[in-house]
Amino acid sequence: MNVFVFDIETVPDTANGRRIYQIDGLNDEETAEAMFTLRREKTGGSDFLPLHLQKIVAISVILRSQDKLKVWSLGEKDSPEAELIQRFFSGIEKYTPILVSWNGGGFDLPVLHYRSLLHGISAPKYWEIGESDNNFRWNNYLNRFHYRHMDLMDILAGYQARGNAPLDEIATMLNLPGKMGMHGSKVWKSYLAGEMDQIRNYCETDVLNTYLVYLRFELIRGNLDSMLYERECQLVRETLQNENKAHLSEFLEAWGK
């Protein structure tokens, strides 16, 4: 079984913000501020933009396949959005994995849907619900209650919004590193400063937290016994050691405390 854990980072889609809100004569930073202001006026306080106005700047993933585990960010730091999204769905086409996320059903996947629509990106296996392949009739990526996509936040909350919890707090509760070096709310400012490496590194530590929560979930539902669980955790440790990257080494060190 292939497991594909993912997380995205986004910034305001200022190009379409200008079109939709008829904003003229402003640069990207000013346009985003106008979009935030309009959003606060509409919601009465929150400036969190609608999902269709979130532009993807990073997608980080973990692939657990056969006896290997890999953590990385798709494309390059200057890759266009369409390339990142195409790489993501190409991975699904190639591996037909179990997708794992934290709030992926509520945020990441709807954003990917809208951005795929914008760029015209084909992903037939992802959208399959059993019309062409009967194997997807009772277990597909789109049904909230199927496990081909496992939104761990949604599942652990018993599909009750009042039960939702932040990944950072659950990770901390499990003695995992949690958020490191950044927060989602800071991505836009980091993006404006050209700090794409930091954004991608932050996204990778988020997928590591998610994957380790996933292993714990597999333990409590009986798919891993204690010995296999420890073996999988050890594989993560060895992978991070072998990567020899500063942010992954920091994650490993924080995990050990």
C-alpha atoms as a PDB file:
ATOM      1  CA  MET A   1       0.000   0.000   0.000  1.00  0.00           C
ATOM      2  CA  ASN A   2       1.262   3.451  -0.920  1.00  0.00           C
ATOM      3  CA  VAL A   3       0.634   6.327   1.481  1.00  0.00           C
ATOM      4  CA  PHE A   4       0.833   9.946   0.292  1.00  0.00           C
ATOM      5  CA  VAL A   5       0.710  12.612   3.022  1.00  0.00           C
ATOM      6  CA  PHE A   6       0.357  16.178   1.806  1.00  0.00           C
ATOM      7  CA  ASP A   7       0.041  19.801   2.847  1.00  0.00           C
ATOM      8  CA  ILE A   8      -0.187  23.031   0.862  1.00  0.00           C
ATOM      9  CA  GLU A   9       0.775  26.636   1.522  1.00  0.00           C
ATOM     10  CA  THR A  10      -1.108  29.468  -0.132  1.00  0.00           C
ATOM     11  CA  VAL A  11      -1.029  33.216  -0.691  1.00  0.00           C
ATOM     12  CA  PRO A  12      -3.719  35.606  -1.950  1.00  0.00           C
ATOM     13  CA  ASP A  13      -4.561  35.208  -5.646  1.00  0.00           C
ATOM     14  CA  THR A  14      -4.138  38.890  -6.386  1.00  0.00           C
ATOM     15  CA  ALA A  15      -4.552  38.499 -10.155  1.00  0.00           C
ATOM     16  CA  ASN A  16      -8.078  37.133  -9.825  1.00  0.00           C
ATOM     17  CA  GLY A  17      -8.748  39.380  -6.843  1.00  0.00           C
ATOM     18  CA  ARG A  18      -8.285  42.339  -9.165  1.00  0.00           C
ATOM     19  CA  ARG A  19     -10.714  40.855 -11.689  1.00  0.00           C
ATOM     20  CA  ILE A  20     -13.395  39.847  -9.226  1.00  0.00           C
ATOM     21  CA  TYR A  21     -13.305  42.955  -7.041  1.00  0.00           C
ATOM     22  CA  GLN A  22     -12.422  45.347  -9.897  1.00  0.00           C
ATOM     23  CA  ILE A  23      -9.285  46.614  -8.191  1.00  0.00           C
ATOM     24  CA  ASP A  24      -7.102  48.835 -10.357  1.00  0.00           C
ATOM     25  CA  GLY A  25      -3.774  50.589  -9.955  1.00  0.00           C
ATOM     26  CA  LEU A  26      -2.463  48.605  -6.956  1.00  0.00           C
ATOM     27  CA  ASN A  27       0.524  46.290  -6.684  1.00  0.00           C
ATOM     28  CA  ASP A  28       0.200  42.753  -5.291  1.00  0.00           C
ATOM     29  CA  GLU A  29       0.745  43.717  -1.662  1.00  0.00           C
ATOM     30  CA  GLU A  30      -1.747  46.570  -1.870  1.00  0.00           C
ATOM     31  CA  THR A  31      -4.249  44.400  -3.727  1.00  0.00           C
ATOM     32  CA  ALA A  32      -4.012  41.726  -1.042  1.00  0.00           C
ATOM     33  CA  GLU A  33      -4.634  44.320   1.667  1.00  0.00           C
ATOM     34  CA  ALA A  34      -7.713  45.495  -0.236  1.00  0.00           C
ATOM     35  CA  MET A  35      -8.906  41.878  -0.493  1.00  0.00           C
ATOM     36  CA  PHE A  36      -8.373  41.378   3.251  1.00  0.00           C
ATOM     37  CA  THR A  37     -10.318  44.548   4.008  1.00  0.00           C
ATOM     38  CA  LEU A  38     -13.233  43.514   1.800  1.00  0.00           C
ATOM     39  CA  ARG A  39     -13.236  40.100   3.454  1.00  0.00           C
ATOM     40  CA  ARG A  40     -13.305  41.573   6.964  1.00  0.00           C
ATOM     41  CA  GLU A  41     -16.243  43.764   5.973  1.00  0.00           C
ATOM     42  CA  LYS A  42     -18.122  40.735   4.674  1.00  0.00           C
ATOM     43  CA  THR A  43     -17.395  38.385   7.580  1.00  0.00           C
ATOM     44  CA  GLY A  44     -17.434  40.906  10.391  1.00  0.00           C
ATOM     45  CA  GLY A  45     -13.857  40.271  11.421  1.00  0.00           C
ATOM     46  CA  SER A  46     -12.003  37.434   9.673  1.00  0.00           C
ATOM     47  CA  ASP A  47      -9.746  38.278   6.737  1.00  0.00           C
ATOM     48  CA  PHE A  48      -9.312  34.620   5.716  1.00  0.00           C
ATOM     49  CA  LEU A  49      -9.869  34.679   1.973  1.00  0.00           C
ATOM     50  CA  PRO A  50     -12.315  32.374   0.142  1.00  0.00           C
ATOM     51  CA  LEU A  51     -10.748  29.119  -1.008  1.00  0.00           C
ATOM     52  CA  HIS A  52     -11.011  29.979  -4.708  1.00  0.00           C
ATOM     53  CA  LEU A  53      -8.814  33.032  -4.084  1.00  0.00           C
ATOM     54  CA  GLN A  54      -5.984  31.045  -2.485  1.00  0.00           C
ATOM     55  CA  LYS A  55      -2.972  30.595  -4.767  1.00  0.00           C
ATOM     56  CA  ILE A  56      -0.780  27.558  -4.079  1.00  0.00           C
ATOM     57  CA  VAL A  57       2.932  28.323  -3.661  1.00  0.00           C
ATOM     58  CA  ALA A  58       4.105  25.082  -2.030  1.00  0.00           C
ATOM     59  CA  ILE A  59       2.997  21.462  -1.829  1.00  0.00           C
ATOM     60  CA  SER A  60       4.978  19.203   0.479  1.00  0.00           C
ATOM     61  CA  VAL A  61       4.500  15.460   0.629  1.00  0.00           C
ATOM     62  CA  ILE A  62       5.618  12.244   2.249  1.00  0.00           C
ATOM     63  CA  LEU A  63       5.510   9.078   0.180  1.00  0.00           C
ATOM     64  CA  ARG A  64       5.617   5.754   2.001  1.00  0.00           C
ATOM     65  CA  SER A  65       5.983   3.055  -0.630  1.00  0.00           C
ATOM     66  CA  GLN A  66       7.330  -0.487  -0.263  1.00  0.00           C
ATOM     67  CA  ASP A  67      10.311  -0.209   2.091  1.00  0.00           C
ATOM     68  CA  LYS A  68      11.023   3.468   1.406  1.00  0.00           C
ATOM     69  CA  LEU A  69       9.949   6.788   2.846  1.00  0.00           C
ATOM     70  CA  LYS A  70      10.603  10.162   1.250  1.00  0.00           C
ATOM     71  CA  VAL A  71       9.753  13.712   2.329  1.00  0.00           C
ATOM     72  CA  TRP A  72      10.065  16.614  -0.103  1.00  0.00           C
ATOM     73  CA  SER A  73       8.391  19.628  -1.683  1.00  0.00           C
ATOM     74  CA  LEU A  74       7.119  19.268  -5.222  1.00  0.00           C
ATOM     75  CA  GLY A  75       8.870  21.131  -8.019  1.00  0.00           C
ATOM     76  CA  GLU A  76      11.315  23.939  -7.368  1.00  0.00           C
ATOM     77  CA  LYS A  77      10.855  27.039  -5.245  1.00  0.00           C
ATOM     78  CA  ASP A  78      10.140  29.095  -8.379  1.00  0.00           C
ATOM     79  CA  SER A  79       7.931  26.500 -10.102  1.00  0.00           C
ATOM     80  CA  PRO A  80       4.621  27.922 -11.364  1.00  0.00           C
ATOM     81  CA  GLU A  81       1.456  26.913  -9.540  1.00  0.00           C
ATOM     82  CA  ALA A  82       0.200  24.781 -12.426  1.00  0.00           C
ATOM     83  CA  GLU A  83       3.359  22.653 -12.329  1.00  0.00           C
ATOM     84  CA  LEU A  84       3.029  22.016  -8.591  1.00  0.00           C
ATOM     85  CA  ILE A  85      -0.581  20.924  -8.980  1.00  0.00           C
ATOM     86  CA  GLN A  86       0.206  18.746 -12.005  1.00  0.00           C
ATOM     87  CA  ARG A  87       2.981  17.001 -10.073  1.00  0.00           C
ATOM     88  CA  PHE A  88       0.603  16.359  -7.183  1.00  0.00           C
ATOM     89  CA  PHE A  89      -2.052  14.719  -9.310  1.00  0.00           C
ATOM     90  CA  SER A  90       0.553  12.857 -11.373  1.00  0.00           C
ATOM     91  CA  GLY A  91       1.643  11.196  -8.128  1.00  0.00           C
ATOM     92  CA  ILE A  92      -1.917  10.008  -7.564  1.00  0.00           C
ATOM     93  CA  GLU A  93      -2.108   8.707 -11.133  1.00  0.00           C
ATOM     94  CA  LYS A  94       1.169   6.800 -10.686  1.00  0.00           C
ATOM     95  CA  TYR A  95       0.793   5.344  -7.189  1.00  0.00           C
ATOM     96  CA  THR A  96      -3.005   5.300  -6.485  1.00  0.00           C
ATOM     97  CA  PRO A  97      -2.054   6.020  -2.856  1.00  0.00           C
ATOM     98  CA  ILE A  98      -3.988   6.498   0.316  1.00  0.00           C
ATOM     99  CA  LEU A  99      -4.053  10.280   0.704  1.00  0.00           C
ATOM    100  CA  VAL A 100      -3.521  11.568   4.237  1.00  0.00           C
ATOM    101  CA  SER A 101      -4.020  15.147   5.400  1.00  0.00           C
ATOM    102  CA  TRP A 102      -4.954  17.332   8.334  1.00  0.00           C
ATOM    103  CA  ASN A 103      -8.017  19.363   7.312  1.00  0.00           C
ATOM    104  CA  GLY A 104      -7.402  18.388   3.697  1.00  0.00           C
ATOM    105  CA  GLY A 105     -11.116  17.923   3.119  1.00  0.00           C
ATOM    106  CA  GLY A 106     -11.886  21.380   4.448  1.00  0.00           C
ATOM    107  CA  PHE A 107      -9.035  23.335   2.901  1.00  0.00           C
ATOM    108  CA  ASP A 108      -6.262  21.690   0.856  1.00  0.00           C
ATOM    109  CA  LEU A 109      -8.356  19.625  -1.540  1.00  0.00           C
ATOM    110  CA  PRO A 110     -11.015  22.270  -2.284  1.00  0.00           C
ATOM    111  CA  VAL A 111      -8.197  24.718  -3.041  1.00  0.00           C
ATOM    112  CA  LEU A 112      -6.580  22.132  -5.322  1.00  0.00           C
ATOM    113  CA  HIS A 113      -9.955  21.640  -7.039  1.00  0.00           C
ATOM    114  CA  TYR A 114     -10.386  25.332  -7.802  1.00  0.00           C
ATOM    115  CA  ARG A 115      -6.795  25.796  -8.918  1.00  0.00           C
ATOM    116  CA  SER A 116      -7.004  22.705 -11.157  1.00  0.00           C
ATOM    117  CA  LEU A 117     -10.129  24.203 -12.690  1.00  0.00           C
ATOM    118  CA  LEU A 118      -8.250  27.453 -13.278  1.00  0.00           C
ATOM    119  CA  HIS A 119      -5.283  25.749 -14.960  1.00  0.00           C
ATOM    120  CA  GLY A 120      -7.218  22.977 -16.733  1.00  0.00           C
ATOM    121  CA  ILE A 121      -5.325  20.132 -15.040  1.00  0.00           C
ATOM    122  CA  SER A 122      -6.606  16.623 -15.725  1.00  0.00           C
ATOM    123  CA  ALA A 123      -6.670  14.099 -12.871  1.00  0.00           C
ATOM    124  CA  PRO A 124      -8.957  11.213 -13.916  1.00  0.00           C
ATOM    125  CA  LYS A 125      -7.992   8.796 -11.147  1.00  0.00           C
ATOM    126  CA  TYR A 126      -8.533  11.387  -8.446  1.00  0.00           C
ATOM    127  CA  TRP A 127     -12.039  12.233  -9.741  1.00  0.00           C
ATOM    128  CA  GLU A 128     -13.025   8.586 -10.309  1.00  0.00           C
ATOM    129  CA  ILE A 129     -16.067   7.488  -8.269  1.00  0.00           C
ATOM    130  CA  GLY A 130     -16.699   4.098  -9.861  1.00  0.00           C
ATOM    131  CA  GLU A 131     -18.079   5.049 -13.244  1.00  0.00           C
ATOM    132  CA  SER A 132     -15.029   3.731 -15.120  1.00  0.00           C
ATOM    133  CA  ASP A 133     -13.334   1.690 -12.384  1.00  0.00           C
ATOM    134  CA  ASN A 134     -15.578  -0.249 -10.042  1.00  0.00           C
ATOM    135  CA  ASN A 135     -12.807  -0.380  -7.422  1.00  0.00           C
ATOM    136  CA  PHE A 136     -13.531   3.268  -6.701  1.00  0.00           C
ATOM    137  CA  ARG A 137     -17.275   2.879  -6.225  1.00  0.00           C
ATOM    138  CA  TRP A 138     -17.094   2.208  -2.499  1.00  0.00           C
ATOM    139  CA  ASN A 139     -13.723   3.774  -1.778  1.00  0.00           C
ATOM    140  CA  ASN A 140     -12.756   6.941  -3.635  1.00  0.00           C
ATOM    141  CA  TYR A 141     -10.945  10.193  -2.945  1.00  0.00           C
ATOM    142  CA  LEU A 142     -14.051  12.378  -2.939  1.00  0.00           C
ATOM    143  CA  ASN A 143     -16.361  10.715  -0.422  1.00  0.00           C
ATOM    144  CA  ARG A 144     -15.908  12.180   3.028  1.00  0.00           C
ATOM    145  CA  PHE A 145     -16.445   8.823   4.734  1.00  0.00           C
ATOM    146  CA  HIS A 146     -14.144   6.750   2.523  1.00  0.00           C
ATOM    147  CA  TYR A 147     -10.565   6.097   3.557  1.00  0.00           C
ATOM    148  CA  ARG A 148      -8.868   6.559   0.174  1.00  0.00           C
ATOM    149  CA  HIS A 149      -8.446  10.107   1.455  1.00  0.00           C
ATOM    150  CA  MET A 150      -8.025  10.260   5.212  1.00  0.00           C
ATOM    151  CA  ASP A 151      -8.566  13.730   6.639  1.00  0.00           C
ATOM    152  CA  LEU A 152      -7.279  12.941  10.102  1.00  0.00           C
ATOM    153  CA  MET A 153      -8.722  16.079  11.672  1.00  0.00           C
ATOM    154  CA  ASP A 154     -12.190  15.230  10.381  1.00  0.00           C
ATOM    155  CA  ILE A 155     -11.969  11.534  11.269  1.00  0.00           C
ATOM    156  CA  LEU A 156     -10.635  12.046  14.791  1.00  0.00           C
ATOM    157  CA  ALA A 157     -13.313  14.690  15.439  1.00  0.00           C
ATOM    158  CA  GLY A 158     -15.953  12.100  14.587  1.00  0.00           C
ATOM    159  CA  TYR A 159     -16.968  14.290  11.615  1.00  0.00           C
ATOM    160  CA  GLN A 160     -18.196  16.915  14.091  1.00  0.00           C
ATOM    161  CA  ALA A 161     -16.905  20.450  13.521  1.00  0.00           C
ATOM    162  CA  ARG A 162     -16.993  21.194  17.248  1.00  0.00           C
ATOM    163  CA  GLY A 163     -14.480  18.361  17.720  1.00  0.00           C
ATOM    164  CA  ASN A 164     -11.887  19.788  15.323  1.00  0.00           C
ATOM    165  CA  ALA A 165      -8.420  20.406  16.742  1.00  0.00           C
ATOM    166  CA  PRO A 166      -5.315  22.189  15.412  1.00  0.00           C
ATOM    167  CA  LEU A 167      -2.530  19.949  14.168  1.00  0.00           C
ATOM    168  CA  ASP A 168      -0.012  21.849  16.275  1.00  0.00           C
ATOM    169  CA  GLU A 169      -1.859  21.056  19.513  1.00  0.00           C
ATOM    170  CA  ILE A 170      -2.407  17.391  18.678  1.00  0.00           C
ATOM    171  CA  ALA A 171       1.244  17.039  17.694  1.00  0.00           C
ATOM    172  CA  THR A 172       2.324  18.674  20.948  1.00  0.00           C
ATOM    173  CA  MET A 173      -0.032  16.416  22.894  1.00  0.00           C
ATOM    174  CA  LEU A 174       1.707  13.407  21.301  1.00  0.00           C
ATOM    175  CA  ASN A 175       5.156  14.813  22.138  1.00  0.00           C
ATOM    176  CA  LEU A 176       5.861  15.640  18.503  1.00  0.00           C
ATOM    177  CA  PRO A 177       7.590  18.876  17.421  1.00  0.00           C
ATOM    178  CA  GLY A 178       4.470  20.665  16.164  1.00  0.00           C
ATOM    179  CA  LYS A 179       4.835  24.001  14.361  1.00  0.00           C
ATOM    180  CA  MET A 180       8.441  24.955  13.693  1.00  0.00           C
ATOM    181  CA  GLY A 181       9.794  28.315  12.593  1.00  0.00           C
ATOM    182  CA  MET A 182       6.634  29.677  11.041  1.00  0.00           C
ATOM    183  CA  HIS A 183       2.853  29.703  11.071  1.00  0.00           C
ATOM    184  CA  GLY A 184       0.390  29.642   8.192  1.00  0.00           C
ATOM    185  CA  SER A 185      -0.585  33.233   8.916  1.00  0.00           C
ATOM    186  CA  LYS A 186       3.003  34.351   8.195  1.00  0.00           C
ATOM    187  CA  VAL A 187       3.320  32.721   4.786  1.00  0.00           C
ATOM    188  CA  TRP A 188       2.161  35.788   2.837  1.00  0.00           C
ATOM    189  CA  LYS A 189       4.761  38.076   4.420  1.00  0.00           C
ATOM    190  CA  SER A 190       7.465  35.462   3.890  1.00  0.00           C
ATOM    191  CA  TYR A 191       6.368  35.086   0.278  1.00  0.00           C
ATOM    192  CA  LEU A 192       6.618  38.840  -0.288  1.00  0.00           C
ATOM    193  CA  ALA A 193      10.117  38.733   1.207  1.00  0.00           C
ATOM    194  CA  GLY A 194      11.125  36.006  -1.244  1.00  0.00           C
ATOM    195  CA  GLU A 195      11.574  33.415   1.508  1.00  0.00           C
ATOM    196  CA  MET A 196      10.338  30.417  -0.472  1.00  0.00           C
ATOM    197  CA  ASP A 197      12.892  28.051   1.051  1.00  0.00           C
ATOM    198  CA  GLN A 198      11.526  28.795   4.522  1.00  0.00           C
ATOM    199  CA  ILE A 199       7.946  28.287   3.336  1.00  0.00           C
ATOM    200  CA  ARG A 200       8.762  24.922   1.765  1.00  0.00           C
ATOM    201  CA  ASN A 201      10.725  23.821   4.837  1.00  0.00           C
ATOM    202  CA  TYR A 202       7.826  24.787   7.097  1.00  0.00           C
ATOM    203  CA  CYS A 203       5.407  22.861   4.902  1.00  0.00           C
ATOM    204  CA  GLU A 204       7.635  19.771   5.077  1.00  0.00           C
ATOM    205  CA  THR A 205       7.650  19.815   8.880  1.00  0.00           C
ATOM    206  CA  ASP A 206       3.847  20.020   8.796  1.00  0.00           C
ATOM    207  CA  VAL A 207       3.605  16.861   6.690  1.00  0.00           C
ATOM    208  CA  LEU A 208       6.015  15.147   9.068  1.00  0.00           C
ATOM    209  CA  ASN A 209       3.749  15.971  12.003  1.00  0.00           C
ATOM    210  CA  THR A 210       0.753  14.739  10.021  1.00  0.00           C
ATOM    211  CA  TYR A 211       2.469  11.500   9.063  1.00  0.00           C
ATOM    212  CA  LEU A 212       3.457  10.757  12.648  1.00  0.00           C
ATOM    213  CA  VAL A 213      -0.130  11.396  13.802  1.00  0.00           C
ATOM    214  CA  TYR A 214      -1.242   9.043  11.002  1.00  0.00           C
ATOM    215  CA  LEU A 215       1.061   6.299  12.332  1.00  0.00           C
ATOM    216  CA  ARG A 216      -0.488   6.767  15.769  1.00  0.00           C
ATOM    217  CA  PHE A 217      -3.945   6.499  14.209  1.00  0.00           C
ATOM    218  CA  GLU A 218      -2.953   3.279  12.454  1.00  0.00           C
ATOM    219  CA  LEU A 219      -1.808   1.985  15.860  1.00  0.00           C
ATOM    220  CA  ILE A 220      -5.120   2.697  17.602  1.00  0.00           C
ATOM    221  CA  ARG A 221      -7.206   1.178  14.824  1.00  0.00           C
ATOM    222  CA  GLY A 222      -5.132  -1.995  14.839  1.00  0.00           C
ATOM    223  CA  ASN A 223      -3.362  -1.753  11.491  1.00  0.00           C
ATOM    224  CA  LEU A 224      -0.037  -1.484  13.301  1.00  0.00           C
ATOM    225  CA  ASP A 225       0.950  -3.296  16.476  1.00  0.00           C
ATOM    226  CA  SER A 226       3.389  -1.659  18.887  1.00  0.00           C
ATOM    227  CA  MET A 227       6.421  -3.289  17.260  1.00  0.00           C
ATOM    228  CA  LEU A 228       5.466  -2.220  13.726  1.00  0.00           C
ATOM    229  CA  TYR A 229       4.593   1.250  14.978  1.00  0.00           C
ATOM    230  CA  GLU A 230       8.060   1.677  16.498  1.00  0.00           C
ATOM    231  CA  ARG A 231       9.626   0.315  13.325  1.00  0.00           C
ATOM    232  CA  GLU A 232       7.774   2.900  11.216  1.00  0.00           C
ATOM    233  CA  CYS A 233       8.834   5.693  13.563  1.00  0.00           C
ATOM    234  CA  GLN A 234      12.416   4.491  13.333  1.00  0.00           C
ATOM    235  CA  LEU A 235      12.210   4.613   9.540  1.00  0.00           C
ATOM    236  CA  VAL A 236      11.200   8.288   9.820  1.00  0.00           C
ATOM    237  CA  ARG A 237      14.150   8.983  12.107  1.00  0.00           C
ATOM    238  CA  GLU A 238      16.598   7.260   9.761  1.00  0.00           C
ATOM    239  CA  THR A 239      15.175   9.102   6.763  1.00  0.00           C
ATOM    240  CA  LEU A 240      15.593  12.479   8.442  1.00  0.00           C
ATOM    241  CA  GLN A 241      19.143  11.624   9.483  1.00  0.00           C
ATOM    242  CA  ASN A 242      20.089  10.559   5.969  1.00  0.00           C
ATOM    243  CA  GLU A 243      18.615  13.687   4.384  1.00  0.00           C
ATOM    244  CA  ASN A 244      21.105  15.851   6.301  1.00  0.00           C
ATOM    245  CA  LYS A 245      19.001  19.025   5.893  1.00  0.00           C
ATOM    246  CA  ALA A 246      18.961  21.628   8.650  1.00  0.00           C
ATOM    247  CA  HIS A 247      15.176  21.887   9.069  1.00  0.00           C
ATOM    248  CA  LEU A 248      14.753  18.112   9.101  1.00  0.00           C
ATOM    249  CA  SER A 249      17.587  17.732  11.614  1.00  0.00           C
ATOM    250  CA  GLU A 250      15.902  20.375  13.798  1.00  0.00           C
ATOM    251  CA  PHE A 251      12.641  18.443  13.581  1.00  0.00           C
ATOM    252  CA  LEU A 252      14.415  15.234  14.567  1.00  0.00           C
ATOM    253  CA  GLU A 253      16.122  16.940  17.509  1.00  0.00           C
ATOM    254  CA  ALA A 254      12.849  18.468  18.713  1.00  0.00           C
ATOM    255  CA  TRP A 255      11.124  15.100  18.395  1.00  0.00           C
ATOM    256  CA  GLY A 256      13.643  13.546  20.722  1.00  0.00           C
ATOM    257  CA  LYS A 257      13.051  15.996  23.559  1.00  0.00           C
END
